[in-house]
Amino acid sequence: MSGRPVKRSIMIAGHRTSVSLEGPFWDGLKALADSRGLTVAHLIAEIDAARGDADTGLSGALRVAVLAYYQDLAHAHRGDT
């Protein structure tokens, strides 16, 4: 498991941008997108739109979304509500 960020170019709302995330976060985004029937690019666009004008950067917002996804899975596995 590499801790080095991987930079990828994506299109959001008609604008090209790049995002740097560690490999496990890219994997998590793929799992989250698959679980919702979305492409990774569409998921990133949704997360970007949801953060609005918040001070959170896009990479940080993506990491938080992946963390929340796995927390939800863990809670569901334990039977939490």
Protein backbone atom coordinates (compact mmCIF):
# COMPACT_ATOMS: atom_id res chain seq x y z
CA MET A 1 0.00 0.00 0.00
CA SER A 2 1.61 3.20 -1.19
CA GLY A 3 1.27 6.40 0.76
CA ARG A 4 2.29 8.47 -2.25
CA PRO A 5 -0.43 10.58 -3.83
CA VAL A 6 -1.50 9.73 -7.37
CA LYS A 7 -2.58 12.70 -9.48
CA ARG A 8 -5.44 12.22 -11.93
CA SER A 9 -7.09 14.67 -14.28
CA ILE A 10 -10.87 14.80 -14.25
CA MET A 11 -13.63 16.91 -15.76
CA ILE A 12 -16.02 18.61 -13.31
CA ALA A 13 -18.85 20.80 -14.55
CA GLY A 14 -17.12 21.25 -17.87
CA HIS A 15 -13.76 22.22 -16.37
CA ARG A 16 -10.66 20.06 -16.28
CA THR A 17 -8.95 19.82 -12.91
CA SER A 18 -6.54 17.46 -11.23
CA VAL A 19 -6.89 15.65 -7.94
CA SER A 20 -4.13 14.04 -5.90
CA LEU A 21 -5.08 11.17 -3.60
CA GLU A 22 -3.27 8.18 -2.18
CA GLY A 23 -3.97 4.86 -3.94
CA PRO A 24 -6.24 3.47 -1.19
CA PHE A 25 -8.45 6.56 -1.45
CA TRP A 26 -8.77 6.09 -5.23
CA ASP A 27 -9.74 2.48 -4.52
CA GLY A 28 -12.28 3.65 -1.96
CA LEU A 29 -13.76 6.17 -4.39
CA LYS A 30 -14.14 3.38 -6.96
CA ALA A 31 -15.89 1.16 -4.38
CA LEU A 32 -18.19 4.02 -3.34
CA ALA A 33 -19.00 4.90 -6.95
CA ASP A 34 -19.72 1.25 -7.77
CA SER A 35 -22.01 0.95 -4.75
CA ARG A 36 -24.03 3.91 -6.03
CA GLY A 37 -24.00 2.89 -9.70
CA LEU A 38 -21.90 5.90 -10.70
CA THR A 39 -18.64 6.50 -12.48
CA VAL A 40 -15.82 7.84 -10.34
CA ALA A 41 -15.94 11.09 -12.31
CA HIS A 42 -19.69 11.49 -11.64
CA LEU A 43 -19.20 10.73 -7.94
CA ILE A 44 -16.40 13.31 -7.69
CA ALA A 45 -18.63 15.88 -9.40
CA GLU A 46 -21.41 15.16 -6.86
CA ILE A 47 -19.02 15.49 -3.92
CA ASP A 48 -17.63 18.70 -5.39
CA ALA A 49 -21.12 20.17 -5.81
CA ALA A 50 -22.13 19.14 -2.28
CA ARG A 51 -19.19 20.94 -0.71
CA GLY A 52 -20.31 24.20 -2.33
CA ASP A 53 -18.29 27.17 -1.19
CA ALA A 54 -16.90 25.38 1.87
CA ASP A 55 -13.27 25.93 2.74
CA THR A 56 -12.65 22.21 2.33
CA GLY A 57 -10.47 21.40 -0.67
CA LEU A 58 -11.66 18.81 -3.15
CA SER A 59 -9.05 16.21 -2.18
CA GLY A 60 -10.02 16.56 1.48
CA ALA A 61 -13.72 16.30 0.66
CA LEU A 62 -13.04 13.11 -1.31
CA ARG A 63 -11.08 11.58 1.57
CA VAL A 64 -13.91 12.41 3.99
CA ALA A 65 -16.47 10.83 1.61
CA VAL A 66 -14.42 7.62 1.44
CA LEU A 67 -14.03 7.57 5.22
CA ALA A 68 -17.79 8.06 5.69
CA TYR A 69 -18.49 5.24 3.22
CA TYR A 70 -16.32 2.78 5.13
CA GLN A 71 -17.67 3.96 8.49
CA ASP A 72 -21.20 3.32 7.22
CA LEU A 73 -20.17 -0.16 6.08
CA ALA A 74 -18.62 -0.89 9.47
CA HIS A 75 -21.73 0.31 11.30
CA ALA A 76 -23.96 -1.79 9.05
CA HIS A 77 -21.76 -4.82 9.64
CA ARG A 78 -22.01 -4.35 13.40
CA GLY A 79 -25.75 -3.75 13.18
CA ASP A 80 -25.53 -0.11 14.28
CA THR A 81 -28.25 2.25 13.20
